[in-house]
Amino acid sequence: MSVLRNIKSLAPLLDRVLVQRIKPEAKTASGIFLPEAAVKEQNEAQVLAVGPGLLDRDGKRLPMGVSAGDKVLIPQFGGNAIKVGEEEYTLFRDHDILAKIKE
């Protein structure tokens, strides 16, 4: 069994999207550090890689809704979790991404 040592060696297939959740701030604007129990997991993530997309009945590629570098809103649960070292990543299908965040 091979062990994944670097997330960059993972290339999503078809309509899969590789994301990493954005960690919430553990410090308030005034500089107060919050305990872990008070920091809620966010549903925002950074898109790291996307697959080429699904093929339609005519064999044409359907475009992906997001691209690498996008900030997105993801479901609280679901996807396939991947752990590389201490970092956690998740693979979602393109249609599972809830929204693209424009800043």
PDB file of N, CA and C in Angstrom:
ATOM      1  N   MET A   1       0.852  -1.184   0.000  1.00  0.00           N
ATOM      2  CA  MET A   1       0.000   0.000   0.000  1.00  0.00           C
ATOM      3  C   MET A   1       0.892   1.238   0.000  1.00  0.00           C
ATOM      4  N   SER A   2       0.637   2.161  -0.914  1.00  0.00           N
ATOM      5  CA  SER A   2       1.445   3.381  -0.966  1.00  0.00           C
ATOM      6  C   SER A   2       0.861   4.437  -0.034  1.00  0.00           C
ATOM      7  N   VAL A   3       1.746   5.249   0.499  1.00  0.00           N
ATOM      8  CA  VAL A   3       1.343   6.305   1.415  1.00  0.00           C
ATOM      9  C   VAL A   3       1.508   7.636   0.701  1.00  0.00           C
ATOM     10  N   LEU A   4       0.488   8.453   0.762  1.00  0.00           N
ATOM     11  CA  LEU A   4       0.537   9.771   0.143  1.00  0.00           C
ATOM     12  C   LEU A   4       1.368  10.691   1.026  1.00  0.00           C
ATOM     13  N   ARG A   5       2.464  11.215   0.461  1.00  0.00           N
ATOM     14  CA  ARG A   5       3.359  12.067   1.245  1.00  0.00           C
ATOM     15  C   ARG A   5       3.162  13.544   0.948  1.00  0.00           C
ATOM     16  N   ASN A   6       2.611  13.840  -0.213  1.00  0.00           N
ATOM     17  CA  ASN A   6       2.437  15.233  -0.618  1.00  0.00           C
ATOM     18  C   ASN A   6       1.095  15.366  -1.320  1.00  0.00           C
ATOM     19  N   ILE A   7       0.276  16.292  -0.881  1.00  0.00           N
ATOM     20  CA  ILE A   7      -1.060  16.449  -1.464  1.00  0.00           C
ATOM     21  C   ILE A   7      -0.985  16.874  -2.928  1.00  0.00           C
ATOM     22  N   LYS A   8       0.102  17.500  -3.343  1.00  0.00           N
ATOM     23  CA  LYS A   8       0.247  17.937  -4.739  1.00  0.00           C
ATOM     24  C   LYS A   8       0.366  16.760  -5.700  1.00  0.00           C
ATOM     25  N   SER A   9       0.652  15.571  -5.174  1.00  0.00           N
ATOM     26  CA  SER A   9       0.741  14.391  -6.032  1.00  0.00           C
ATOM     27  C   SER A   9      -0.632  13.763  -6.272  1.00  0.00           C
ATOM     28  N   LEU A  10      -1.684  14.343  -5.706  1.00  0.00           N
ATOM     29  CA  LEU A  10      -3.044  13.836  -5.862  1.00  0.00           C
ATOM     30  C   LEU A  10      -3.769  14.653  -6.930  1.00  0.00           C
ATOM     31  N   ALA A  11      -4.204  13.995  -7.994  1.00  0.00           N
ATOM     32  CA  ALA A  11      -4.930  14.663  -9.075  1.00  0.00           C
ATOM     33  C   ALA A  11      -6.361  14.134  -9.104  1.00  0.00           C
ATOM     34  N   PRO A  12      -7.355  14.969  -8.779  1.00  0.00           N
ATOM     35  CA  PRO A  12      -8.750  14.518  -8.798  1.00  0.00           C
ATOM     36  C   PRO A  12      -9.178  14.060 -10.196  1.00  0.00           C
ATOM     37  N   LEU A  13     -10.044  13.069 -10.252  1.00  0.00           N
ATOM     38  CA  LEU A  13     -10.573  12.556 -11.510  1.00  0.00           C
ATOM     39  C   LEU A  13     -12.000  13.044 -11.722  1.00  0.00           C
ATOM     40  N   LEU A  14     -12.426  13.016 -12.979  1.00  0.00           N
ATOM     41  CA  LEU A  14     -13.789  13.363 -13.385  1.00  0.00           C
ATOM     42  C   LEU A  14     -14.241  14.693 -12.777  1.00  0.00           C
ATOM     43  N   ASP A  15     -15.334  14.683 -11.996  1.00  0.00           N
ATOM     44  CA  ASP A  15     -15.873  15.942 -11.456  1.00  0.00           C
ATOM     45  C   ASP A  15     -15.516  16.128  -9.982  1.00  0.00           C
ATOM     46  N   ARG A  16     -14.389  15.567  -9.549  1.00  0.00           N
ATOM     47  CA  ARG A  16     -13.982  15.692  -8.146  1.00  0.00           C
ATOM     48  C   ARG A  16     -13.241  17.006  -7.906  1.00  0.00           C
ATOM     49  N   VAL A  17     -13.399  17.540  -6.692  1.00  0.00           N
ATOM     50  CA  VAL A  17     -12.771  18.801  -6.287  1.00  0.00           C
ATOM     51  C   VAL A  17     -12.053  18.551  -4.961  1.00  0.00           C
ATOM     52  N   LEU A  18     -10.761  18.848  -4.914  1.00  0.00           N
ATOM     53  CA  LEU A  18      -9.968  18.694  -3.696  1.00  0.00           C
ATOM     54  C   LEU A  18      -9.923  20.027  -2.969  1.00  0.00           C
ATOM     55  N   VAL A  19     -10.376  20.036  -1.708  1.00  0.00           N
ATOM     56  CA  VAL A  19     -10.414  21.277  -0.928  1.00  0.00           C
ATOM     57  C   VAL A  19      -9.739  21.079   0.425  1.00  0.00           C
ATOM     58  N   GLN A  20      -9.369  22.196   1.021  1.00  0.00           N
ATOM     59  CA  GLN A  20      -8.884  22.199   2.399  1.00  0.00           C
ATOM     60  C   GLN A  20      -9.702  23.235   3.148  1.00  0.00           C
ATOM     61  N   ARG A  21     -10.313  22.795   4.249  1.00  0.00           N
ATOM     62  CA  ARG A  21     -11.117  23.717   5.060  1.00  0.00           C
ATOM     63  C   ARG A  21     -10.253  24.863   5.560  1.00  0.00           C
ATOM     64  N   ILE A  22     -10.841  26.046   5.599  1.00  0.00           N
ATOM     65  CA  ILE A  22     -10.161  27.214   6.142  1.00  0.00           C
ATOM     66  C   ILE A  22     -10.360  27.187   7.648  1.00  0.00           C
ATOM     67  N   LYS A  23      -9.269  27.194   8.367  1.00  0.00           N
ATOM     68  CA  LYS A  23      -9.348  27.126   9.831  1.00  0.00           C
ATOM     69  C   LYS A  23      -9.866  28.450  10.379  1.00  0.00           C
ATOM     70  N   PRO A  24     -10.814  28.390  11.318  1.00  0.00           N
ATOM     71  CA  PRO A  24     -11.352  29.628  11.897  1.00  0.00           C
ATOM     72  C   PRO A  24     -10.306  30.339  12.750  1.00  0.00           C
ATOM     73  N   GLU A  25     -10.469  31.635  12.865  1.00  0.00           N
ATOM     74  CA  GLU A  25      -9.566  32.440  13.685  1.00  0.00           C
ATOM     75  C   GLU A  25      -9.715  32.041  15.150  1.00  0.00           C
ATOM     76  N   ALA A  26      -8.599  31.821  15.816  1.00  0.00           N
ATOM     77  CA  ALA A  26      -8.621  31.465  17.234  1.00  0.00           C
ATOM     78  C   ALA A  26      -8.402  32.692  18.101  1.00  0.00           C
ATOM     79  N   LYS A  27      -8.345  33.857  17.441  1.00  0.00           N
ATOM     80  CA  LYS A  27      -8.099  35.103  18.167  1.00  0.00           C
ATOM     81  C   LYS A  27      -9.098  36.147  17.674  1.00  0.00           C
ATOM     82  N   THR A  28      -9.678  36.899  18.594  1.00  0.00           N
ATOM     83  CA  THR A  28     -10.631  37.943  18.226  1.00  0.00           C
ATOM     84  C   THR A  28      -9.890  39.159  17.680  1.00  0.00           C
ATOM     85  N   ALA A  29     -10.642  40.094  17.120  1.00  0.00           N
ATOM     86  CA  ALA A  29     -10.054  41.321  16.575  1.00  0.00           C
ATOM     87  C   ALA A  29      -9.331  42.127  17.647  1.00  0.00           C
ATOM     88  N   SER A  30      -9.778  42.006  18.891  1.00  0.00           N
ATOM     89  CA  SER A  30      -9.139  42.755  19.981  1.00  0.00           C
ATOM     90  C   SER A  30      -7.950  42.009  20.589  1.00  0.00           C
ATOM     91  N   GLY A  31      -7.634  40.809  20.055  1.00  0.00           N
ATOM     92  CA  GLY A  31      -6.452  40.086  20.507  1.00  0.00           C
ATOM     93  C   GLY A  31      -6.685  39.020  21.551  1.00  0.00           C
ATOM     94  N   ILE A  32      -7.940  38.734  21.868  1.00  0.00           N
ATOM     95  CA  ILE A  32      -8.253  37.710  22.873  1.00  0.00           C
ATOM     96  C   ILE A  32      -8.243  36.336  22.197  1.00  0.00           C
ATOM     97  N   PHE A  33      -7.499  35.388  22.772  1.00  0.00           N
ATOM     98  CA  PHE A  33      -7.454  34.031  22.239  1.00  0.00           C
ATOM     99  C   PHE A  33      -8.668  33.248  22.725  1.00  0.00           C
ATOM    100  N   LEU A  34      -9.319  32.550  21.805  1.00  0.00           N
ATOM    101  CA  LEU A  34     -10.516  31.774  22.127  1.00  0.00           C
ATOM    102  C   LEU A  34     -10.146  30.322  22.406  1.00  0.00           C
ATOM    103  N   PRO A  35     -10.834  29.675  23.353  1.00  0.00           N
ATOM    104  CA  PRO A  35     -10.573  28.248  23.591  1.00  0.00           C
ATOM    105  C   PRO A  35     -11.080  27.429  22.405  1.00  0.00           C
ATOM    106  N   GLU A  36     -10.506  26.246  22.207  1.00  0.00           N
ATOM    107  CA  GLU A  36     -10.884  25.393  21.077  1.00  0.00           C
ATOM    108  C   GLU A  36     -12.371  25.094  21.056  1.00  0.00           C
ATOM    109  N   ALA A  37     -12.982  24.930  22.221  1.00  0.00           N
ATOM    110  CA  ALA A  37     -14.411  24.612  22.298  1.00  0.00           C
ATOM    111  C   ALA A  37     -15.271  25.754  21.762  1.00  0.00           C
ATOM    112  N   ALA A  38     -14.768  26.977  21.813  1.00  0.00           N
ATOM    113  CA  ALA A  38     -15.540  28.138  21.369  1.00  0.00           C
ATOM    114  C   ALA A  38     -15.363  28.414  19.878  1.00  0.00           C
ATOM    115  N   VAL A  39     -14.356  27.801  19.272  1.00  0.00           N
ATOM    116  CA  VAL A  39     -14.088  28.027  17.852  1.00  0.00           C
ATOM    117  C   VAL A  39     -14.826  26.964  17.051  1.00  0.00           C
ATOM    118  N   LYS A  40     -15.805  27.396  16.262  1.00  0.00           N
ATOM    119  CA  LYS A  40     -16.632  26.481  15.487  1.00  0.00           C
ATOM    120  C   LYS A  40     -15.989  26.227  14.120  1.00  0.00           C
ATOM    121  N   GLU A  41     -16.062  24.981  13.654  1.00  0.00           N
ATOM    122  CA  GLU A  41     -15.515  24.640  12.344  1.00  0.00           C
ATOM    123  C   GLU A  41     -16.296  25.371  11.256  1.00  0.00           C
ATOM    124  N   GLN A  42     -15.575  25.979  10.336  1.00  0.00           N
ATOM    125  CA  GLN A  42     -16.223  26.732   9.265  1.00  0.00           C
ATOM    126  C   GLN A  42     -16.512  25.835   8.074  1.00  0.00           C
ATOM    127  N   ASN A  43     -17.462  26.261   7.267  1.00  0.00           N
ATOM    128  CA  ASN A  43     -17.796  25.536   6.046  1.00  0.00           C
ATOM    129  C   ASN A  43     -17.157  26.184   4.831  1.00  0.00           C
ATOM    130  N   GLU A  44     -16.140  26.999   5.062  1.00  0.00           N
ATOM    131  CA  GLU A  44     -15.419  27.618   3.954  1.00  0.00           C
ATOM    132  C   GLU A  44     -14.170  26.800   3.677  1.00  0.00           C
ATOM    133  N   ALA A  45     -13.814  26.703   2.387  1.00  0.00           N
ATOM    134  CA  ALA A  45     -12.636  25.927   2.012  1.00  0.00           C
ATOM    135  C   ALA A  45     -11.951  26.567   0.814  1.00  0.00           C
ATOM    136  N   GLN A  46     -10.683  26.228   0.668  1.00  0.00           N
ATOM    137  CA  GLN A  46      -9.885  26.676  -0.468  1.00  0.00           C
ATOM    138  C   GLN A  46      -9.790  25.507  -1.438  1.00  0.00           C
ATOM    139  N   VAL A  47     -10.081  25.750  -2.724  1.00  0.00           N
ATOM    140  CA  VAL A  47      -9.977  24.706  -3.740  1.00  0.00           C
ATOM    141  C   VAL A  47      -8.503  24.556  -4.114  1.00  0.00           C
ATOM    142  N   LEU A  48      -7.986  23.340  -3.981  1.00  0.00           N
ATOM    143  CA  LEU A  48      -6.585  23.071  -4.295  1.00  0.00           C
ATOM    144  C   LEU A  48      -6.405  22.493  -5.691  1.00  0.00           C
ATOM    145  N   ALA A  49      -7.342  21.636  -6.115  1.00  0.00           N
ATOM    146  CA  ALA A  49      -7.247  21.007  -7.438  1.00  0.00           C
ATOM    147  C   ALA A  49      -8.635  20.563  -7.873  1.00  0.00           C
ATOM    148  N   VAL A  50      -8.846  20.517  -9.178  1.00  0.00           N
ATOM    149  CA  VAL A  50     -10.121  20.044  -9.730  1.00  0.00           C
ATOM    150  C   VAL A  50      -9.846  19.028 -10.833  1.00  0.00           C
ATOM    151  N   GLY A  51     -10.785  18.111 -10.991  1.00  0.00           N
ATOM    152  CA  GLY A  51     -10.680  17.142 -12.069  1.00  0.00           C
ATOM    153  C   GLY A  51     -11.057  17.787 -13.396  1.00  0.00           C
ATOM    154  N   PRO A  52     -10.922  17.051 -14.490  1.00  0.00           N
ATOM    155  CA  PRO A  52     -11.218  17.604 -15.814  1.00  0.00           C
ATOM    156  C   PRO A  52     -12.709  17.784 -16.096  1.00  0.00           C
ATOM    157  N   GLY A  53     -13.577  17.160 -15.314  1.00  0.00           N
ATOM    158  CA  GLY A  53     -15.021  17.259 -15.525  1.00  0.00           C
ATOM    159  C   GLY A  53     -15.585  15.974 -16.105  1.00  0.00           C
ATOM    160  N   LEU A  54     -16.891  15.833 -16.009  1.00  0.00           N
ATOM    161  CA  LEU A  54     -17.581  14.662 -16.553  1.00  0.00           C
ATOM    162  C   LEU A  54     -17.726  14.784 -18.062  1.00  0.00           C
ATOM    163  N   LEU A  55     -17.990  13.656 -18.708  1.00  0.00           N
ATOM    164  CA  LEU A  55     -18.283  13.652 -20.138  1.00  0.00           C
ATOM    165  C   LEU A  55     -19.788  13.544 -20.327  1.00  0.00           C
ATOM    166  N   ASP A  56     -20.335  14.313 -21.283  1.00  0.00           N
ATOM    167  CA  ASP A  56     -21.764  14.189 -21.571  1.00  0.00           C
ATOM    168  C   ASP A  56     -21.984  13.023 -22.539  1.00  0.00           C
ATOM    169  N   ARG A  57     -23.200  12.836 -22.987  1.00  0.00           N
ATOM    170  CA  ARG A  57     -23.527  11.702 -23.868  1.00  0.00           C
ATOM    171  C   ARG A  57     -22.793  11.758 -25.202  1.00  0.00           C
ATOM    172  N   ASP A  58     -22.436  12.966 -25.629  1.00  0.00           N
ATOM    173  CA  ASP A  58     -21.731  13.126 -26.904  1.00  0.00           C
ATOM    174  C   ASP A  58     -20.218  13.052 -26.738  1.00  0.00           C
ATOM    175  N   GLY A  59     -19.751  12.825 -25.523  1.00  0.00           N
ATOM    176  CA  GLY A  59     -18.319  12.728 -25.275  1.00  0.00           C
ATOM    177  C   GLY A  59     -17.632  14.060 -25.038  1.00  0.00           C
ATOM    178  N   LYS A  60     -18.422  15.127 -24.889  1.00  0.00           N
ATOM    179  CA  LYS A  60     -17.837  16.448 -24.632  1.00  0.00           C
ATOM    180  C   LYS A  60     -17.706  16.653 -23.123  1.00  0.00           C
ATOM    181  N   ARG A  61     -16.635  17.332 -22.723  1.00  0.00           N
ATOM    182  CA  ARG A  61     -16.406  17.616 -21.300  1.00  0.00           C
ATOM    183  C   ARG A  61     -17.365  18.685 -20.802  1.00  0.00           C
ATOM    184  N   LEU A  62     -17.974  18.427 -19.663  1.00  0.00           N
ATOM    185  CA  LEU A  62     -18.802  19.435 -19.011  1.00  0.00           C
ATOM    186  C   LEU A  62     -17.882  20.304 -18.161  1.00  0.00           C
ATOM    187  N   PRO A  63     -18.034  21.611 -18.216  1.00  0.00           N
ATOM    188  CA  PRO A  63     -17.131  22.487 -17.460  1.00  0.00           C
ATOM    189  C   PRO A  63     -17.358  22.358 -15.955  1.00  0.00           C
ATOM    190  N   MET A  64     -16.287  22.537 -15.214  1.00  0.00           N
ATOM    191  CA  MET A  64     -16.358  22.503 -13.757  1.00  0.00           C
ATOM    192  C   MET A  64     -16.842  23.858 -13.261  1.00  0.00           C
ATOM    193  N   GLY A  65     -17.545  23.859 -12.131  1.00  0.00           N
ATOM    194  CA  GLY A  65     -18.080  25.098 -11.573  1.00  0.00           C
ATOM    195  C   GLY A  65     -17.059  25.905 -10.793  1.00  0.00           C
ATOM    196  N   VAL A  66     -15.966  25.268 -10.399  1.00  0.00           N
ATOM    197  CA  VAL A  66     -14.924  25.951  -9.622  1.00  0.00           C
ATOM    198  C   VAL A  66     -13.567  25.630 -10.225  1.00  0.00           C
ATOM    199  N   SER A  67     -12.567  26.398  -9.822  1.00  0.00           N
ATOM    200  CA  SER A  67     -11.204  26.126 -10.270  1.00  0.00           C
ATOM    201  C   SER A  67     -10.249  26.280  -9.096  1.00  0.00           C
ATOM    202  N   ALA A  68      -9.038  25.783  -9.255  1.00  0.00           N
ATOM    203  CA  ALA A  68      -8.033  25.855  -8.191  1.00  0.00           C
ATOM    204  C   ALA A  68      -7.834  27.308  -7.779  1.00  0.00           C
ATOM    205  N   GLY A  69      -7.777  27.532  -6.479  1.00  0.00           N
ATOM    206  CA  GLY A  69      -7.601  28.876  -5.947  1.00  0.00           C
ATOM    207  C   GLY A  69      -8.892  29.528  -5.492  1.00  0.00           C
ATOM    208  N   ASP A  70     -10.047  28.985  -5.914  1.00  0.00           N
ATOM    209  CA  ASP A  70     -11.336  29.546  -5.501  1.00  0.00           C
ATOM    210  C   ASP A  70     -11.586  29.283  -4.021  1.00  0.00           C
ATOM    211  N   LYS A  71     -12.322  30.193  -3.404  1.00  0.00           N
ATOM    212  CA  LYS A  71     -12.796  30.010  -2.031  1.00  0.00           C
ATOM    213  C   LYS A  71     -14.258  29.602  -2.158  1.00  0.00           C
ATOM    214  N   VAL A  72     -14.643  28.505  -1.501  1.00  0.00           N
ATOM    215  CA  VAL A  72     -15.982  27.950  -1.675  1.00  0.00           C
ATOM    216  C   VAL A  72     -16.649  27.654  -0.339  1.00  0.00           C
ATOM    217  N   LEU A  73     -17.961  27.488  -0.407  1.00  0.00           N
ATOM    218  CA  LEU A  73     -18.767  27.070   0.731  1.00  0.00           C
ATOM    219  C   LEU A  73     -19.077  25.591   0.519  1.00  0.00           C
ATOM    220  N   ILE A  74     -18.773  24.764   1.517  1.00  0.00           N
ATOM    221  CA  ILE A  74     -18.961  23.322   1.391  1.00  0.00           C
ATOM    222  C   ILE A  74     -19.945  22.826   2.450  1.00  0.00           C
ATOM    223  N   PRO A  75     -20.531  21.641   2.242  1.00  0.00           N
ATOM    224  CA  PRO A  75     -21.448  21.094   3.242  1.00  0.00           C
ATOM    225  C   PRO A  75     -20.723  20.780   4.551  1.00  0.00           C
ATOM    226  N   GLN A  76     -21.460  20.806   5.640  1.00  0.00           N
ATOM    227  CA  GLN A  76     -20.894  20.485   6.959  1.00  0.00           C
ATOM    228  C   GLN A  76     -20.350  19.059   6.973  1.00  0.00           C
ATOM    229  N   PHE A  77     -21.088  18.145   6.342  1.00  0.00           N
ATOM    230  CA  PHE A  77     -20.693  16.738   6.322  1.00  0.00           C
ATOM    231  C   PHE A  77     -20.597  16.271   4.882  1.00  0.00           C
ATOM    232  N   GLY A  78     -19.941  15.146   4.675  1.00  0.00           N
ATOM    233  CA  GLY A  78     -19.846  14.569   3.346  1.00  0.00           C
ATOM    234  C   GLY A  78     -18.444  14.674   2.787  1.00  0.00           C
ATOM    235  N   GLY A  79     -18.291  14.230   1.567  1.00  0.00           N
ATOM    236  CA  GLY A  79     -16.987  14.223   0.934  1.00  0.00           C
ATOM    237  C   GLY A  79     -16.142  13.068   1.454  1.00  0.00           C
ATOM    238  N   ASN A  80     -14.978  12.907   0.854  1.00  0.00           N
ATOM    239  CA  ASN A  80     -14.037  11.874   1.265  1.00  0.00           C
ATOM    240  C   ASN A  80     -12.833  12.529   1.919  1.00  0.00           C
ATOM    241  N   ALA A  81     -12.636  12.239   3.192  1.00  0.00           N
ATOM    242  CA  ALA A  81     -11.534  12.846   3.947  1.00  0.00           C
ATOM    243  C   ALA A  81     -10.208  12.195   3.570  1.00  0.00           C
ATOM    244  N   ILE A  82      -9.177  13.025   3.462  1.00  0.00           N
ATOM    245  CA  ILE A  82      -7.821  12.571   3.163  1.00  0.00           C
ATOM    246  C   ILE A  82      -6.899  13.252   4.162  1.00  0.00           C
ATOM    247  N   LYS A  83      -6.047  12.474   4.788  1.00  0.00           N
ATOM    248  CA  LYS A  83      -5.104  13.048   5.748  1.00  0.00           C
ATOM    249  C   LYS A  83      -3.691  12.812   5.232  1.00  0.00           C
ATOM    250  N   VAL A  84      -2.922  13.886   5.155  1.00  0.00           N
ATOM    251  CA  VAL A  84      -1.523  13.816   4.741  1.00  0.00           C
ATOM    252  C   VAL A  84      -0.713  14.471   5.850  1.00  0.00           C
ATOM    253  N   GLY A  85       0.007  13.663   6.601  1.00  0.00           N
ATOM    254  CA  GLY A  85       0.721  14.193   7.764  1.00  0.00           C
ATOM    255  C   GLY A  85      -0.295  14.703   8.770  1.00  0.00           C
ATOM    256  N   GLU A  86      -0.153  15.950   9.168  1.00  0.00           N
ATOM    257  CA  GLU A  86      -1.083  16.569  10.114  1.00  0.00           C
ATOM    258  C   GLU A  86      -2.205  17.333   9.411  1.00  0.00           C
ATOM    259  N   GLU A  87      -2.106  17.496   8.102  1.00  0.00           N
ATOM    260  CA  GLU A  87      -3.090  18.276   7.342  1.00  0.00           C
ATOM    261  C   GLU A  87      -4.252  17.398   6.892  1.00  0.00           C
ATOM    262  N   GLU A  88      -5.457  17.990   6.888  1.00  0.00           N
ATOM    263  CA  GLU A  88      -6.654  17.276   6.439  1.00  0.00           C
ATOM    264  C   GLU A  88      -7.226  17.948   5.200  1.00  0.00           C
ATOM    265  N   TYR A  89      -7.647  17.124   4.254  1.00  0.00           N
ATOM    266  CA  TYR A  89      -8.215  17.582   2.992  1.00  0.00           C
ATOM    267  C   TYR A  89      -9.495  16.801   2.753  1.00  0.00           C
ATOM    268  N   THR A  90     -10.320  17.276   1.818  1.00  0.00           N
ATOM    269  CA  THR A  90     -11.561  16.576   1.489  1.00  0.00           C
ATOM    270  C   THR A  90     -11.786  16.616  -0.013  1.00  0.00           C
ATOM    271  N   LEU A  91     -12.249  15.494  -0.567  1.00  0.00           N
ATOM    272  CA  LEU A  91     -12.642  15.410  -1.976  1.00  0.00           C
ATOM    273  C   LEU A  91     -14.162  15.460  -2.053  1.00  0.00           C
ATOM    274  N   PHE A  92     -14.683  16.422  -2.808  1.00  0.00           N
ATOM    275  CA  PHE A  92     -16.119  16.536  -3.052  1.00  0.00           C
ATOM    276  C   PHE A  92     -16.371  16.394  -4.541  1.00  0.00           C
ATOM    277  N   ARG A  93     -17.594  16.077  -4.898  1.00  0.00           N
ATOM    278  CA  ARG A  93     -18.000  16.153  -6.303  1.00  0.00           C
ATOM    279  C   ARG A  93     -18.356  17.610  -6.578  1.00  0.00           C
ATOM    280  N   ASP A  94     -18.193  18.022  -7.812  1.00  0.00           N
ATOM    281  CA  ASP A  94     -18.437  19.415  -8.188  1.00  0.00           C
ATOM    282  C   ASP A  94     -19.838  19.870  -7.782  1.00  0.00           C
ATOM    283  N   HIS A  95     -20.842  19.012  -7.975  1.00  0.00           N
ATOM    284  CA  HIS A  95     -22.216  19.421  -7.659  1.00  0.00           C
ATOM    285  C   HIS A  95     -22.492  19.474  -6.154  1.00  0.00           C
ATOM    286  N   ASP A  96     -21.562  18.983  -5.322  1.00  0.00           N
ATOM    287  CA  ASP A  96     -21.728  19.075  -3.868  1.00  0.00           C
ATOM    288  C   ASP A  96     -21.260  20.417  -3.307  1.00  0.00           C
ATOM    289  N   ILE A  97     -20.480  21.163  -4.084  1.00  0.00           N
ATOM    290  CA  ILE A  97     -20.017  22.482  -3.647  1.00  0.00           C
ATOM    291  C   ILE A  97     -21.235  23.400  -3.612  1.00  0.00           C
ATOM    292  N   LEU A  98     -21.443  24.077  -2.478  1.00  0.00           N
ATOM    293  CA  LEU A  98     -22.654  24.880  -2.298  1.00  0.00           C
ATOM    294  C   LEU A  98     -22.583  26.236  -2.984  1.00  0.00           C
ATOM    295  N   ALA A  99     -21.434  26.892  -2.916  1.00  0.00           N
ATOM    296  CA  ALA A  99     -21.314  28.233  -3.503  1.00  0.00           C
ATOM    297  C   ALA A  99     -19.847  28.602  -3.656  1.00  0.00           C
ATOM    298  N   LYS A 100     -19.598  29.529  -4.572  1.00  0.00           N
ATOM    299  CA  LYS A 100     -18.273  30.112  -4.732  1.00  0.00           C
ATOM    300  C   LYS A 100     -18.305  31.458  -4.021  1.00  0.00           C
ATOM    301  N   ILE A 101     -17.309  31.726  -3.180  1.00  0.00           N
ATOM    302  CA  ILE A 101     -17.261  32.976  -2.422  1.00  0.00           C
ATOM    303  C   ILE A 101     -16.428  33.984  -3.200  1.00  0.00           C
ATOM    304  N   LYS A 102     -17.057  35.098  -3.554  1.00  0.00           N
ATOM    305  CA  LYS A 102     -16.355  36.157  -4.286  1.00  0.00           C
ATOM    306  C   LYS A 102     -15.988  37.255  -3.311  1.00  0.00           C
ATOM    307  N   GLU A 103     -14.705  37.563  -3.240  1.00  0.00           N
ATOM    308  CA  GLU A 103     -14.254  38.602  -2.310  1.00  0.00           C
ATOM    309  C   GLU A 103     -13.620  39.742  -3.061  1.00  0.00           C
TER     310      GLU A 103
END
